[in-house]
Protein backbone atom coordinates (compact mmCIF):
# COMPACT_ATOMS: atom_id res chain seq x y z
CA UNK A 1 57.06 52.67 28.70
CA UNK A 2 57.02 49.04 27.60
CA UNK A 3 57.26 47.82 31.19
CA UNK A 4 54.26 49.96 32.16
CA UNK A 5 52.23 48.51 29.28
CA UNK A 6 53.20 44.94 30.21
CA UNK A 7 52.26 45.48 33.86
CA UNK A 8 48.95 47.07 32.84
CA UNK A 9 48.11 44.10 30.60
CA UNK A 10 48.98 41.68 33.40
CA UNK A 11 46.66 43.58 35.74
CA UNK A 12 43.83 43.65 33.21
CA UNK A 13 44.21 39.94 32.55
CA UNK A 14 43.80 39.28 36.27
CA UNK A 15 40.27 40.71 36.13
CA UNK A 16 38.95 37.79 34.08
CA UNK A 17 38.40 34.37 35.62
CA UNK A 18 39.66 32.62 32.53
CA UNK A 19 43.01 34.42 32.49
CA UNK A 20 43.74 34.89 36.19
CA UNK A 21 46.18 31.94 36.37
CA UNK A 22 48.00 33.05 33.23
CA UNK A 23 48.16 36.57 34.60
CA UNK A 24 49.63 35.38 37.90
CA UNK A 25 52.22 33.24 36.12
CA UNK A 26 53.28 36.02 33.75
CA UNK A 27 53.31 38.49 36.63
CA UNK A 28 55.57 36.13 38.56
CA UNK A 29 57.99 35.92 35.64
CA UNK A 30 57.97 39.70 35.22
CA UNK A 31 58.58 40.14 38.94
CA UNK A 32 61.60 37.84 38.86
CA UNK A 33 62.96 39.55 35.74
CA UNK A 34 62.68 42.97 37.36
CA UNK A 35 64.34 41.66 40.52
CA UNK A 36 67.28 40.19 38.59
CA UNK A 37 67.78 42.92 35.97
CA UNK A 38 66.39 46.09 37.52
CA UNK A 39 67.06 45.59 41.21
CA UNK A 40 70.27 43.57 40.80
CA UNK A 41 69.11 40.90 43.27
CA UNK A 42 68.06 43.54 45.80
CA UNK A 43 71.61 45.01 45.84
CA UNK A 44 72.42 43.11 48.99
CA UNK A 45 76.15 43.07 48.30
CA UNK A 46 76.49 46.85 47.86
CA UNK A 47 75.68 47.82 51.42
CA UNK A 48 73.11 50.33 50.14
CA UNK A 49 70.04 48.12 49.90
CA UNK A 50 66.90 49.86 51.13
CA UNK A 51 64.35 47.12 50.46
CA UNK A 52 66.33 43.91 50.19
CA UNK A 53 64.55 41.01 48.60
CA UNK A 54 61.02 42.36 48.52
CA UNK A 55 60.71 40.53 45.21
CA UNK A 56 61.28 37.22 46.95
CA UNK A 57 58.40 37.86 49.35
CA UNK A 58 56.14 38.80 46.46
CA UNK A 59 57.26 35.65 44.62
CA UNK A 60 56.28 33.47 47.56
CA UNK A 61 52.87 35.17 47.62
CA UNK A 62 52.38 34.65 43.88
CA UNK A 63 53.32 30.97 44.12
CA UNK A 64 50.90 30.54 47.02
CA UNK A 65 48.12 32.18 44.99
CA UNK A 66 48.82 29.93 42.02
CA UNK A 67 48.91 26.84 44.22
CA UNK A 68 45.60 27.83 45.80
CA UNK A 69 44.09 28.44 42.38
CA UNK A 70 44.99 24.98 41.12
CA UNK A 71 44.05 23.15 44.35
CA UNK A 72 40.50 24.31 44.84
CA UNK A 73 38.21 21.74 46.40
CA UNK A 74 35.75 20.10 44.04
CA UNK A 75 32.81 21.30 46.15
CA UNK A 76 33.88 24.91 45.62
CA UNK A 77 33.97 24.43 41.85
CA UNK A 78 30.50 22.82 41.93
CA UNK A 79 29.09 25.75 43.93
CA UNK A 80 30.55 28.23 41.48
CA UNK A 81 28.96 26.41 38.55
CA UNK A 82 25.54 26.36 40.23
CA UNK A 83 25.61 30.13 40.85
CA UNK A 84 26.38 31.06 37.26
C-alpha cells in the first residue's frame, strides 16, 4: 500500500513543471530500490528470470531524461518564458 502511494505521488509530481526533475530523481531512486530489494537484481543467478534487468533499461531512460532536462538550450528557455 505504501509503495502504491509513493508511486502515485511521484507520478503526480511529474505533472508540474516545477517538480518534474525532483519527480524523475525520486522515481529513479525508487526504481533502483525496487530492483535491488523486490526483484533481487532481476534474479539473473536463479535461472528463472523472466524479465532480466528491465530496471536497468528504465534507469538509463530516467538518467537520459534528467540529463536532457538540465541541458536545455538557452533559446528554448527564452521561448518558454515568452509564451507564458
